[in-house]
Amino acid sequence: MTTVGSSPQALAERIADAAAGLADGEARQLVAVAGPPGAGKSTVADLAQQALQGRGISTGLLSMDGFHYDNQILTARDLLPRKGAPETFDLPGFHALLRRLQAEDEVAVPEFDRVLDKSIAACSFVTRDQRVVIVEGNYLLLGEPGWDDLRDHWALTVFLDVPLPTLEARLLDRWIGLGLPRDEAERRAFANDIPNARRVVQNSGAADLVLR
């Protein structure tokens, strides 16, 4: 099913519509919101969480970005210029936390601070009452070794499909908004972010909902 030309709030309501029934069971259910960098995943996932909670469904939120390797590790592995690519994430750690979310009542989860450019461990909790958890990230549906095993965790999958020119503009504005001069912002966006976006679009598997 595809929604075309909708606002972030409307997209979030579509996710809430699809996810609301997941709260009826006893087991915690994980909803994947995937898409390329710049697609608006964080905004839409946050709004979807609010929409579900507005319907009386206690809902958790987790960003895959909390599993970025630290810059020291990326520098040692000569991966810092590729930060944000699949190989720059702690995929085994992400798998382990998803398994914990499906087995444990309360789980501490990390977050990523864009200003500090680093992950912060155990920054918030998914609590016992949150039977639905929205997980957002670029590579949640990626059909590559290791990443494709993530599908075992998802009760509902969502993909945000955004045209490449829109992604380019958003990603450039993101880096400028973080204080980078335009030439450095363009280098980061076009040398790394946009190749990552193409990788997501080309290599991601089918989703239950494709939202545009």
N, C-alpha and C. Protein backbone atom coordinates (compact mmCIF):
# COMPACT_ATOMS: atom_id res chain seq x y z
N MET A 1 0.85 -1.18 0.00
CA MET A 1 0.00 0.00 0.00
C MET A 1 0.88 1.24 0.00
N THR A 2 0.53 2.25 -0.78
CA THR A 2 1.34 3.44 -0.93
C THR A 2 0.52 4.68 -0.68
N THR A 3 1.09 5.62 0.09
CA THR A 3 0.51 6.93 0.28
C THR A 3 1.39 7.93 -0.44
N VAL A 4 0.79 8.83 -1.23
CA VAL A 4 1.55 9.73 -2.09
C VAL A 4 1.33 11.18 -1.67
N GLY A 5 2.43 11.97 -1.60
CA GLY A 5 2.33 13.40 -1.42
C GLY A 5 1.74 13.84 -0.11
N SER A 6 2.05 13.18 0.98
CA SER A 6 1.44 13.49 2.27
C SER A 6 2.41 14.26 3.15
N SER A 7 1.86 15.02 4.12
CA SER A 7 2.66 15.72 5.11
C SER A 7 3.23 14.73 6.11
N PRO A 8 4.28 15.12 6.87
CA PRO A 8 4.80 14.22 7.90
C PRO A 8 3.73 13.76 8.88
N GLN A 9 2.83 14.66 9.27
CA GLN A 9 1.78 14.29 10.20
C GLN A 9 0.84 13.25 9.59
N ALA A 10 0.51 13.44 8.31
CA ALA A 10 -0.37 12.48 7.64
C ALA A 10 0.31 11.12 7.50
N LEU A 11 1.60 11.12 7.19
CA LEU A 11 2.34 9.86 7.11
C LEU A 11 2.36 9.16 8.47
N ALA A 12 2.57 9.95 9.51
CA ALA A 12 2.59 9.39 10.86
C ALA A 12 1.24 8.77 11.22
N GLU A 13 0.16 9.41 10.83
CA GLU A 13 -1.17 8.87 11.11
C GLU A 13 -1.40 7.56 10.36
N ARG A 14 -0.84 7.45 9.16
CA ARG A 14 -0.96 6.20 8.40
C ARG A 14 -0.21 5.07 9.12
N ILE A 15 0.96 5.39 9.66
CA ILE A 15 1.70 4.39 10.42
C ILE A 15 0.92 4.00 11.68
N ALA A 16 0.37 5.00 12.35
CA ALA A 16 -0.42 4.72 13.56
C ALA A 16 -1.63 3.86 13.24
N ASP A 17 -2.29 4.13 12.11
CA ASP A 17 -3.43 3.31 11.70
C ASP A 17 -3.02 1.85 11.56
N ALA A 18 -1.87 1.63 10.91
CA ALA A 18 -1.43 0.26 10.64
C ALA A 18 -0.90 -0.43 11.89
N ALA A 19 -0.34 0.36 12.81
CA ALA A 19 0.31 -0.23 13.98
C ALA A 19 -0.61 -0.40 15.18
N ALA A 20 -1.74 0.28 15.18
CA ALA A 20 -2.60 0.31 16.37
C ALA A 20 -3.01 -1.09 16.82
N GLY A 21 -3.33 -1.97 15.87
CA GLY A 21 -3.79 -3.31 16.22
C GLY A 21 -2.71 -4.18 16.82
N LEU A 22 -1.44 -3.78 16.68
CA LEU A 22 -0.34 -4.60 17.21
C LEU A 22 -0.32 -4.60 18.73
N ALA A 23 -0.95 -3.59 19.33
CA ALA A 23 -0.92 -3.48 20.79
C ALA A 23 -1.86 -4.45 21.48
N ASP A 24 -2.67 -5.18 20.71
CA ASP A 24 -3.67 -6.06 21.31
C ASP A 24 -3.08 -7.31 21.95
N GLY A 25 -1.92 -7.75 21.47
CA GLY A 25 -1.32 -8.96 22.00
C GLY A 25 -0.47 -8.70 23.24
N GLU A 26 0.01 -9.77 23.83
CA GLU A 26 0.84 -9.65 25.04
C GLU A 26 2.30 -9.34 24.70
N ALA A 27 2.78 -9.84 23.57
CA ALA A 27 4.19 -9.65 23.21
C ALA A 27 4.42 -8.24 22.67
N ARG A 28 5.59 -7.70 22.96
CA ARG A 28 5.96 -6.39 22.40
C ARG A 28 6.20 -6.54 20.90
N GLN A 29 5.71 -5.57 20.12
CA GLN A 29 5.82 -5.61 18.66
C GLN A 29 6.68 -4.44 18.18
N LEU A 30 7.55 -4.71 17.22
CA LEU A 30 8.48 -3.71 16.69
C LEU A 30 8.05 -3.29 15.28
N VAL A 31 7.98 -1.99 15.09
CA VAL A 31 7.59 -1.40 13.81
C VAL A 31 8.82 -0.73 13.20
N ALA A 32 9.23 -1.17 12.01
CA ALA A 32 10.40 -0.61 11.34
C ALA A 32 9.99 0.53 10.43
N VAL A 33 10.61 1.70 10.62
CA VAL A 33 10.42 2.84 9.72
C VAL A 33 11.77 3.09 9.05
N ALA A 34 11.88 2.69 7.80
CA ALA A 34 13.14 2.75 7.07
C ALA A 34 13.06 3.78 5.95
N GLY A 35 14.23 4.08 5.37
CA GLY A 35 14.30 5.00 4.26
C GLY A 35 15.68 5.62 4.18
N PRO A 36 16.00 6.30 3.10
CA PRO A 36 17.33 6.87 2.93
C PRO A 36 17.57 8.04 3.88
N PRO A 37 18.84 8.42 4.09
CA PRO A 37 19.11 9.61 4.90
C PRO A 37 18.45 10.83 4.27
N GLY A 38 17.83 11.65 5.13
CA GLY A 38 17.13 12.83 4.64
C GLY A 38 15.68 12.59 4.31
N ALA A 39 15.19 11.37 4.49
CA ALA A 39 13.80 11.06 4.14
C ALA A 39 12.80 11.57 5.16
N GLY A 40 13.27 11.94 6.35
CA GLY A 40 12.37 12.42 7.39
C GLY A 40 11.94 11.35 8.37
N LYS A 41 12.74 10.28 8.48
CA LYS A 41 12.37 9.16 9.35
C LYS A 41 12.21 9.57 10.80
N SER A 42 13.15 10.35 11.32
CA SER A 42 13.09 10.73 12.73
C SER A 42 11.83 11.53 13.02
N THR A 43 11.53 12.48 12.15
CA THR A 43 10.33 13.31 12.34
C THR A 43 9.07 12.48 12.28
N VAL A 44 8.95 11.64 11.26
CA VAL A 44 7.74 10.84 11.08
C VAL A 44 7.61 9.81 12.20
N ALA A 45 8.71 9.19 12.60
CA ALA A 45 8.66 8.20 13.69
C ALA A 45 8.22 8.86 14.99
N ASP A 46 8.75 10.04 15.28
CA ASP A 46 8.37 10.75 16.50
C ASP A 46 6.88 11.12 16.46
N LEU A 47 6.40 11.58 15.31
CA LEU A 47 4.98 11.93 15.18
C LEU A 47 4.10 10.69 15.27
N ALA A 48 4.58 9.56 14.73
CA ALA A 48 3.80 8.31 14.82
C ALA A 48 3.70 7.86 16.27
N GLN A 49 4.80 8.00 17.02
CA GLN A 49 4.76 7.67 18.45
C GLN A 49 3.71 8.53 19.16
N GLN A 50 3.72 9.84 18.87
CA GLN A 50 2.74 10.73 19.49
C GLN A 50 1.32 10.36 19.09
N ALA A 51 1.13 9.99 17.80
CA ALA A 51 -0.21 9.64 17.32
C ALA A 51 -0.73 8.39 18.03
N LEU A 52 0.13 7.39 18.21
CA LEU A 52 -0.29 6.18 18.90
C LEU A 52 -0.58 6.46 20.38
N GLN A 53 0.26 7.27 20.99
CA GLN A 53 0.02 7.59 22.40
C GLN A 53 -1.26 8.41 22.56
N GLY A 54 -1.58 9.22 21.56
CA GLY A 54 -2.83 9.96 21.59
C GLY A 54 -4.04 9.06 21.49
N ARG A 55 -3.84 7.85 21.00
CA ARG A 55 -4.92 6.86 20.93
C ARG A 55 -4.92 5.93 22.15
N GLY A 56 -4.10 6.27 23.13
CA GLY A 56 -4.05 5.47 24.35
C GLY A 56 -3.14 4.27 24.27
N ILE A 57 -2.24 4.24 23.27
CA ILE A 57 -1.32 3.11 23.10
C ILE A 57 0.08 3.57 23.50
N SER A 58 0.56 3.10 24.64
CA SER A 58 1.90 3.47 25.09
C SER A 58 2.93 2.91 24.12
N THR A 59 3.78 3.78 23.59
CA THR A 59 4.65 3.42 22.47
C THR A 59 6.08 3.88 22.73
N GLY A 60 7.03 2.98 22.49
CA GLY A 60 8.44 3.32 22.61
C GLY A 60 9.02 3.77 21.28
N LEU A 61 10.23 4.32 21.34
CA LEU A 61 10.90 4.83 20.15
C LEU A 61 12.39 4.52 20.25
N LEU A 62 12.95 4.01 19.16
CA LEU A 62 14.37 3.66 19.10
C LEU A 62 14.93 4.06 17.75
N SER A 63 16.08 4.73 17.75
CA SER A 63 16.77 5.08 16.51
C SER A 63 17.99 4.18 16.32
N MET A 64 18.12 3.63 15.13
CA MET A 64 19.30 2.84 14.80
C MET A 64 20.58 3.67 14.89
N ASP A 65 20.47 5.00 14.78
CA ASP A 65 21.65 5.86 14.82
C ASP A 65 22.39 5.77 16.15
N GLY A 66 21.71 5.31 17.20
CA GLY A 66 22.38 5.13 18.47
C GLY A 66 23.45 4.05 18.44
N PHE A 67 23.52 3.32 17.33
CA PHE A 67 24.49 2.23 17.20
C PHE A 67 25.64 2.58 16.26
N HIS A 68 25.82 3.87 15.97
CA HIS A 68 27.04 4.32 15.29
C HIS A 68 28.27 3.91 16.09
N TYR A 69 29.27 3.39 15.41
CA TYR A 69 30.57 3.24 16.08
C TYR A 69 31.12 4.62 16.42
N ASP A 70 31.86 4.71 17.53
CA ASP A 70 32.48 5.96 17.92
C ASP A 70 33.52 6.38 16.88
N ASN A 71 33.74 7.70 16.80
CA ASN A 71 34.68 8.22 15.80
C ASN A 71 36.09 7.66 15.97
N GLN A 72 36.49 7.32 17.21
CA GLN A 72 37.82 6.73 17.42
C GLN A 72 37.94 5.39 16.70
N ILE A 73 36.87 4.60 16.79
CA ILE A 73 36.88 3.30 16.11
C ILE A 73 36.88 3.49 14.61
N LEU A 74 36.05 4.42 14.13
CA LEU A 74 35.97 4.66 12.69
C LEU A 74 37.30 5.17 12.14
N THR A 75 37.98 6.03 12.90
CA THR A 75 39.28 6.54 12.47
C THR A 75 40.29 5.40 12.39
N ALA A 76 40.29 4.53 13.41
CA ALA A 76 41.24 3.41 13.43
C ALA A 76 41.00 2.45 12.28
N ARG A 77 39.76 2.36 11.84
CA ARG A 77 39.40 1.44 10.74
C ARG A 77 39.33 2.15 9.39
N ASP A 78 39.76 3.42 9.36
CA ASP A 78 39.76 4.22 8.13
C ASP A 78 38.34 4.32 7.53
N LEU A 79 37.35 4.45 8.42
CA LEU A 79 35.95 4.52 7.99
C LEU A 79 35.29 5.85 8.32
N LEU A 80 36.01 6.78 8.95
CA LEU A 80 35.36 8.02 9.38
C LEU A 80 34.74 8.79 8.21
N PRO A 81 35.40 8.86 7.03
CA PRO A 81 34.75 9.57 5.92
C PRO A 81 33.46 8.90 5.44
N ARG A 82 33.25 7.62 5.82
CA ARG A 82 32.07 6.88 5.39
C ARG A 82 31.03 6.77 6.51
N LYS A 83 31.19 7.57 7.57
CA LYS A 83 30.28 7.49 8.70
C LYS A 83 28.83 7.62 8.24
N GLY A 84 28.01 6.67 8.67
CA GLY A 84 26.62 6.62 8.21
C GLY A 84 26.37 5.50 7.22
N ALA A 85 27.43 4.91 6.65
CA ALA A 85 27.29 3.74 5.78
C ALA A 85 27.03 2.51 6.66
N PRO A 86 26.47 1.44 6.10
CA PRO A 86 26.14 0.26 6.91
C PRO A 86 27.30 -0.28 7.73
N GLU A 87 28.49 -0.25 7.16
CA GLU A 87 29.65 -0.84 7.86
C GLU A 87 30.12 0.00 9.04
N THR A 88 29.54 1.17 9.26
CA THR A 88 29.95 2.04 10.37
C THR A 88 29.01 1.91 11.58
N PHE A 89 28.15 0.90 11.57
CA PHE A 89 27.23 0.65 12.68
C PHE A 89 27.58 -0.66 13.39
N ASP A 90 27.25 -0.70 14.68
CA ASP A 90 27.41 -1.92 15.47
C ASP A 90 26.18 -2.80 15.22
N LEU A 91 26.19 -3.51 14.12
CA LEU A 91 25.04 -4.34 13.75
C LEU A 91 24.80 -5.46 14.75
N PRO A 92 25.82 -6.20 15.23
CA PRO A 92 25.54 -7.23 16.24
C PRO A 92 24.91 -6.66 17.50
N GLY A 93 25.38 -5.49 17.93
CA GLY A 93 24.79 -4.86 19.10
C GLY A 93 23.35 -4.46 18.88
N PHE A 94 23.04 -4.00 17.67
CA PHE A 94 21.67 -3.64 17.32
C PHE A 94 20.77 -4.87 17.34
N HIS A 95 21.24 -5.95 16.74
CA HIS A 95 20.49 -7.21 16.79
C HIS A 95 20.21 -7.62 18.23
N ALA A 96 21.24 -7.54 19.07
CA ALA A 96 21.10 -7.98 20.46
C ALA A 96 20.06 -7.14 21.20
N LEU A 97 20.05 -5.84 20.96
CA LEU A 97 19.07 -5.01 21.65
C LEU A 97 17.66 -5.28 21.16
N LEU A 98 17.48 -5.52 19.87
CA LEU A 98 16.15 -5.87 19.37
C LEU A 98 15.65 -7.16 20.01
N ARG A 99 16.55 -8.13 20.17
CA ARG A 99 16.15 -9.37 20.84
C ARG A 99 15.75 -9.10 22.29
N ARG A 100 16.48 -8.22 22.95
CA ARG A 100 16.13 -7.88 24.33
C ARG A 100 14.76 -7.20 24.40
N LEU A 101 14.48 -6.34 23.44
CA LEU A 101 13.17 -5.65 23.42
C LEU A 101 12.03 -6.66 23.31
N GLN A 102 12.27 -7.76 22.64
CA GLN A 102 11.22 -8.76 22.46
C GLN A 102 11.17 -9.76 23.61
N ALA A 103 12.12 -9.67 24.54
CA ALA A 103 12.17 -10.65 25.64
C ALA A 103 12.10 -10.04 27.03
N GLU A 104 12.45 -8.77 27.17
CA GLU A 104 12.55 -8.16 28.49
C GLU A 104 11.53 -7.03 28.65
N ASP A 105 11.08 -6.81 29.87
CA ASP A 105 10.07 -5.78 30.14
C ASP A 105 10.61 -4.37 30.00
N GLU A 106 11.81 -4.13 30.50
CA GLU A 106 12.39 -2.78 30.47
C GLU A 106 13.80 -2.86 29.92
N VAL A 107 14.09 -2.00 28.94
CA VAL A 107 15.39 -2.04 28.27
C VAL A 107 15.90 -0.61 28.10
N ALA A 108 17.14 -0.35 28.52
CA ALA A 108 17.78 0.94 28.28
C ALA A 108 18.28 0.98 26.83
N VAL A 109 18.05 2.11 26.16
CA VAL A 109 18.41 2.22 24.75
C VAL A 109 19.29 3.46 24.53
N PRO A 110 20.17 3.41 23.52
CA PRO A 110 21.04 4.55 23.23
C PRO A 110 20.36 5.56 22.31
N GLU A 111 20.98 6.72 22.22
CA GLU A 111 20.55 7.74 21.27
C GLU A 111 21.79 8.33 20.62
N PHE A 112 21.59 9.00 19.46
CA PHE A 112 22.70 9.65 18.76
C PHE A 112 22.52 11.16 18.84
N ASP A 113 23.55 11.86 19.27
CA ASP A 113 23.54 13.32 19.37
C ASP A 113 24.25 13.88 18.14
N ARG A 114 23.50 14.53 17.26
CA ARG A 114 24.09 15.04 16.02
C ARG A 114 25.05 16.19 16.30
N VAL A 115 24.76 17.00 17.30
CA VAL A 115 25.64 18.13 17.61
C VAL A 115 26.98 17.63 18.12
N LEU A 116 26.95 16.66 19.04
CA LEU A 116 28.19 16.07 19.56
C LEU A 116 28.79 15.05 18.59
N ASP A 117 28.00 14.59 17.62
CA ASP A 117 28.41 13.60 16.63
C ASP A 117 28.86 12.31 17.31
N LYS A 118 28.05 11.85 18.28
CA LYS A 118 28.40 10.62 18.97
C LYS A 118 27.16 9.97 19.55
N SER A 119 27.26 8.67 19.77
CA SER A 119 26.18 7.91 20.41
C SER A 119 26.32 8.03 21.92
N ILE A 120 25.18 8.06 22.59
CA ILE A 120 25.14 8.14 24.05
C ILE A 120 24.42 6.89 24.54
N ALA A 121 25.12 6.06 25.30
CA ALA A 121 24.57 4.78 25.74
C ALA A 121 23.51 4.98 26.82
N ALA A 122 22.55 4.04 26.86
CA ALA A 122 21.55 3.98 27.94
C ALA A 122 20.95 5.35 28.22
N CYS A 123 20.51 6.01 27.15
CA CYS A 123 20.05 7.39 27.25
C CYS A 123 18.57 7.49 27.63
N SER A 124 17.80 6.44 27.36
CA SER A 124 16.38 6.42 27.73
C SER A 124 15.96 4.96 27.88
N PHE A 125 14.69 4.77 28.27
CA PHE A 125 14.19 3.42 28.50
C PHE A 125 13.00 3.14 27.58
N VAL A 126 12.91 1.89 27.14
CA VAL A 126 11.64 1.32 26.67
C VAL A 126 11.07 0.59 27.89
N THR A 127 9.86 0.95 28.28
CA THR A 127 9.31 0.49 29.55
C THR A 127 8.32 -0.67 29.36
N ARG A 128 7.97 -1.29 30.46
CA ARG A 128 7.11 -2.47 30.47
C ARG A 128 5.80 -2.22 29.71
N ASP A 129 5.21 -1.04 29.90
CA ASP A 129 3.89 -0.78 29.33
C ASP A 129 3.93 -0.49 27.83
N GLN A 130 5.11 -0.27 27.28
CA GLN A 130 5.21 0.06 25.85
C GLN A 130 5.26 -1.22 25.03
N ARG A 131 4.08 -1.65 24.59
CA ARG A 131 3.96 -2.92 23.88
C ARG A 131 4.21 -2.76 22.38
N VAL A 132 4.27 -1.52 21.91
CA VAL A 132 4.66 -1.22 20.53
C VAL A 132 5.89 -0.32 20.60
N VAL A 133 6.90 -0.63 19.80
CA VAL A 133 8.10 0.20 19.71
C VAL A 133 8.35 0.52 18.24
N ILE A 134 8.47 1.80 17.95
CA ILE A 134 8.83 2.25 16.60
C ILE A 134 10.35 2.33 16.52
N VAL A 135 10.91 1.65 15.54
CA VAL A 135 12.36 1.65 15.32
C VAL A 135 12.61 2.34 13.98
N GLU A 136 13.44 3.37 13.98
CA GLU A 136 13.70 4.07 12.72
C GLU A 136 15.17 4.01 12.36
N GLY A 137 15.45 3.88 11.06
CA GLY A 137 16.83 3.83 10.61
C GLY A 137 16.93 3.61 9.11
N ASN A 138 18.07 3.97 8.55
CA ASN A 138 18.26 3.86 7.10
C ASN A 138 18.17 2.42 6.60
N TYR A 139 18.76 1.48 7.34
CA TYR A 139 19.07 0.16 6.78
C TYR A 139 18.20 -0.97 7.34
N LEU A 140 17.06 -0.64 7.90
CA LEU A 140 16.24 -1.67 8.56
C LEU A 140 15.69 -2.70 7.58
N LEU A 141 15.59 -2.36 6.30
CA LEU A 141 15.10 -3.29 5.29
C LEU A 141 16.18 -3.65 4.27
N LEU A 142 17.43 -3.33 4.59
CA LEU A 142 18.52 -3.55 3.64
C LEU A 142 18.71 -5.03 3.36
N GLY A 143 18.74 -5.38 2.09
CA GLY A 143 18.90 -6.78 1.71
C GLY A 143 20.34 -7.16 1.51
N GLU A 144 21.16 -6.96 2.54
CA GLU A 144 22.57 -7.31 2.50
C GLU A 144 22.88 -8.21 3.69
N PRO A 145 23.97 -9.01 3.61
CA PRO A 145 24.27 -9.96 4.69
C PRO A 145 24.28 -9.30 6.06
N GLY A 146 23.63 -9.96 7.01
CA GLY A 146 23.53 -9.43 8.37
C GLY A 146 22.34 -8.51 8.52
N TRP A 147 22.21 -7.56 7.63
CA TRP A 147 21.09 -6.61 7.69
C TRP A 147 19.77 -7.28 7.33
N ASP A 148 19.81 -8.21 6.37
CA ASP A 148 18.55 -8.83 5.97
C ASP A 148 17.96 -9.69 7.09
N ASP A 149 18.78 -10.09 8.08
CA ASP A 149 18.26 -10.85 9.22
C ASP A 149 17.39 -10.00 10.14
N LEU A 150 17.48 -8.67 10.00
CA LEU A 150 16.64 -7.80 10.82
C LEU A 150 15.16 -8.03 10.58
N ARG A 151 14.81 -8.52 9.40
CA ARG A 151 13.39 -8.71 9.07
C ARG A 151 12.68 -9.64 10.07
N ASP A 152 13.44 -10.51 10.70
CA ASP A 152 12.83 -11.43 11.67
C ASP A 152 12.21 -10.69 12.86
N HIS A 153 12.64 -9.45 13.09
CA HIS A 153 12.19 -8.71 14.26
C HIS A 153 10.92 -7.89 14.01
N TRP A 154 10.59 -7.61 12.76
CA TRP A 154 9.56 -6.59 12.48
C TRP A 154 8.16 -7.18 12.39
N ALA A 155 7.23 -6.55 13.10
CA ALA A 155 5.82 -6.90 12.96
C ALA A 155 5.16 -6.09 11.85
N LEU A 156 5.73 -4.93 11.54
CA LEU A 156 5.23 -4.04 10.49
C LEU A 156 6.42 -3.30 9.92
N THR A 157 6.47 -3.18 8.58
CA THR A 157 7.57 -2.47 7.93
C THR A 157 7.03 -1.31 7.12
N VAL A 158 7.75 -0.18 7.22
CA VAL A 158 7.37 1.06 6.53
C VAL A 158 8.61 1.59 5.82
N PHE A 159 8.44 2.06 4.59
CA PHE A 159 9.55 2.67 3.86
C PHE A 159 9.14 4.05 3.39
N LEU A 160 9.96 5.06 3.72
CA LEU A 160 9.72 6.43 3.27
C LEU A 160 10.48 6.66 1.97
N ASP A 161 9.74 6.83 0.89
CA ASP A 161 10.31 6.96 -0.45
C ASP A 161 10.28 8.42 -0.86
N VAL A 162 11.46 9.05 -0.92
CA VAL A 162 11.58 10.48 -1.20
C VAL A 162 12.46 10.67 -2.43
N PRO A 163 12.08 11.55 -3.38
CA PRO A 163 12.89 11.77 -4.59
C PRO A 163 14.30 12.23 -4.25
N LEU A 164 15.27 11.81 -5.05
CA LEU A 164 16.67 12.11 -4.80
C LEU A 164 16.94 13.62 -4.72
N PRO A 165 16.39 14.46 -5.62
CA PRO A 165 16.66 15.91 -5.49
C PRO A 165 16.21 16.48 -4.15
N THR A 166 15.11 15.98 -3.62
CA THR A 166 14.64 16.43 -2.31
C THR A 166 15.62 16.00 -1.23
N LEU A 167 16.10 14.75 -1.32
CA LEU A 167 17.09 14.27 -0.35
C LEU A 167 18.36 15.12 -0.39
N GLU A 168 18.83 15.44 -1.60
CA GLU A 168 20.04 16.23 -1.74
C GLU A 168 19.90 17.58 -1.04
N ALA A 169 18.77 18.24 -1.27
CA ALA A 169 18.54 19.55 -0.65
C ALA A 169 18.47 19.45 0.87
N ARG A 170 17.76 18.45 1.36
CA ARG A 170 17.62 18.28 2.81
C ARG A 170 18.95 17.97 3.48
N LEU A 171 19.74 17.09 2.85
CA LEU A 171 21.01 16.70 3.45
C LEU A 171 22.00 17.86 3.46
N LEU A 172 21.99 18.65 2.39
CA LEU A 172 22.85 19.84 2.36
C LEU A 172 22.44 20.81 3.46
N ASP A 173 21.14 21.04 3.59
CA ASP A 173 20.65 21.96 4.63
C ASP A 173 20.97 21.43 6.03
N ARG A 174 20.96 20.09 6.19
CA ARG A 174 21.26 19.51 7.51
C ARG A 174 22.67 19.87 7.94
N TRP A 175 23.65 19.71 7.04
CA TRP A 175 25.03 19.99 7.41
C TRP A 175 25.26 21.48 7.60
N ILE A 176 24.64 22.31 6.78
CA ILE A 176 24.76 23.76 6.97
C ILE A 176 24.15 24.17 8.30
N GLY A 177 23.02 23.53 8.65
CA GLY A 177 22.38 23.82 9.93
C GLY A 177 23.23 23.43 11.12
N LEU A 178 24.15 22.48 10.93
CA LEU A 178 25.05 22.06 12.00
C LEU A 178 26.32 22.92 12.04
N GLY A 179 26.36 23.96 11.20
CA GLY A 179 27.45 24.93 11.28
C GLY A 179 28.57 24.74 10.30
N LEU A 180 28.44 23.80 9.36
CA LEU A 180 29.52 23.59 8.39
C LEU A 180 29.45 24.64 7.27
N PRO A 181 30.60 25.10 6.77
CA PRO A 181 30.58 25.98 5.58
C PRO A 181 30.02 25.22 4.39
N ARG A 182 29.52 25.94 3.41
CA ARG A 182 28.80 25.30 2.31
C ARG A 182 29.66 24.28 1.57
N ASP A 183 30.95 24.58 1.33
CA ASP A 183 31.77 23.63 0.57
C ASP A 183 31.94 22.32 1.33
N GLU A 184 32.11 22.39 2.67
CA GLU A 184 32.24 21.18 3.47
C GLU A 184 30.90 20.44 3.55
N ALA A 185 29.81 21.21 3.64
CA ALA A 185 28.48 20.60 3.66
C ALA A 185 28.21 19.85 2.35
N GLU A 186 28.59 20.43 1.23
CA GLU A 186 28.41 19.77 -0.06
C GLU A 186 29.27 18.52 -0.15
N ARG A 187 30.49 18.59 0.36
CA ARG A 187 31.37 17.41 0.31
C ARG A 187 30.77 16.26 1.10
N ARG A 188 30.29 16.55 2.31
CA ARG A 188 29.72 15.48 3.13
C ARG A 188 28.45 14.91 2.51
N ALA A 189 27.62 15.80 1.99
CA ALA A 189 26.35 15.34 1.42
C ALA A 189 26.57 14.49 0.17
N PHE A 190 27.40 14.97 -0.74
CA PHE A 190 27.50 14.31 -2.04
C PHE A 190 28.56 13.20 -2.08
N ALA A 191 29.52 13.24 -1.16
CA ALA A 191 30.54 12.18 -1.15
C ALA A 191 30.11 10.99 -0.32
N ASN A 192 29.19 11.18 0.63
CA ASN A 192 28.84 10.09 1.53
C ASN A 192 27.33 9.90 1.66
N ASP A 193 26.60 10.94 2.04
CA ASP A 193 25.17 10.79 2.31
C ASP A 193 24.38 10.32 1.08
N ILE A 194 24.63 10.94 -0.05
CA ILE A 194 23.86 10.59 -1.25
C ILE A 194 24.20 9.18 -1.74
N PRO A 195 25.48 8.75 -1.76
CA PRO A 195 25.75 7.33 -2.07
C PRO A 195 25.05 6.38 -1.11
N ASN A 196 25.00 6.74 0.18
CA ASN A 196 24.28 5.90 1.13
C ASN A 196 22.79 5.87 0.81
N ALA A 197 22.24 7.00 0.42
CA ALA A 197 20.82 7.06 0.06
C ALA A 197 20.53 6.16 -1.13
N ARG A 198 21.40 6.20 -2.14
CA ARG A 198 21.19 5.33 -3.31
C ARG A 198 21.28 3.86 -2.91
N ARG A 199 22.17 3.54 -2.00
CA ARG A 199 22.31 2.15 -1.54
C ARG A 199 21.04 1.69 -0.86
N VAL A 200 20.44 2.56 -0.05
CA VAL A 200 19.18 2.22 0.62
C VAL A 200 18.08 1.97 -0.41
N VAL A 201 17.94 2.89 -1.35
CA VAL A 201 16.86 2.79 -2.33
C VAL A 201 17.03 1.55 -3.21
N GLN A 202 18.25 1.27 -3.63
CA GLN A 202 18.49 0.18 -4.56
C GLN A 202 18.46 -1.18 -3.89
N ASN A 203 18.83 -1.26 -2.60
CA ASN A 203 19.04 -2.56 -1.96
C ASN A 203 18.05 -2.90 -0.86
N SER A 204 17.07 -2.06 -0.61
CA SER A 204 16.09 -2.36 0.42
C SER A 204 14.99 -3.26 -0.12
N GLY A 205 14.52 -4.16 0.73
CA GLY A 205 13.44 -5.06 0.35
C GLY A 205 12.09 -4.41 0.45
N ALA A 206 11.06 -5.16 0.11
CA ALA A 206 9.69 -4.65 0.09
C ALA A 206 9.23 -4.32 1.51
N ALA A 207 8.35 -3.33 1.61
CA ALA A 207 7.77 -2.93 2.89
C ALA A 207 6.26 -3.12 2.85
N ASP A 208 5.67 -3.26 4.04
CA ASP A 208 4.22 -3.35 4.12
C ASP A 208 3.55 -2.04 3.69
N LEU A 209 4.19 -0.92 4.04
CA LEU A 209 3.69 0.41 3.65
C LEU A 209 4.83 1.18 2.99
N VAL A 210 4.59 1.73 1.82
CA VAL A 210 5.52 2.64 1.18
C VAL A 210 4.86 4.02 1.17
N LEU A 211 5.49 4.98 1.85
CA LEU A 211 4.90 6.30 2.02
C LEU A 211 5.75 7.33 1.31
N ARG A 212 5.06 8.20 0.57
CA ARG A 212 5.76 9.25 -0.17
C ARG A 212 5.20 10.62 0.18
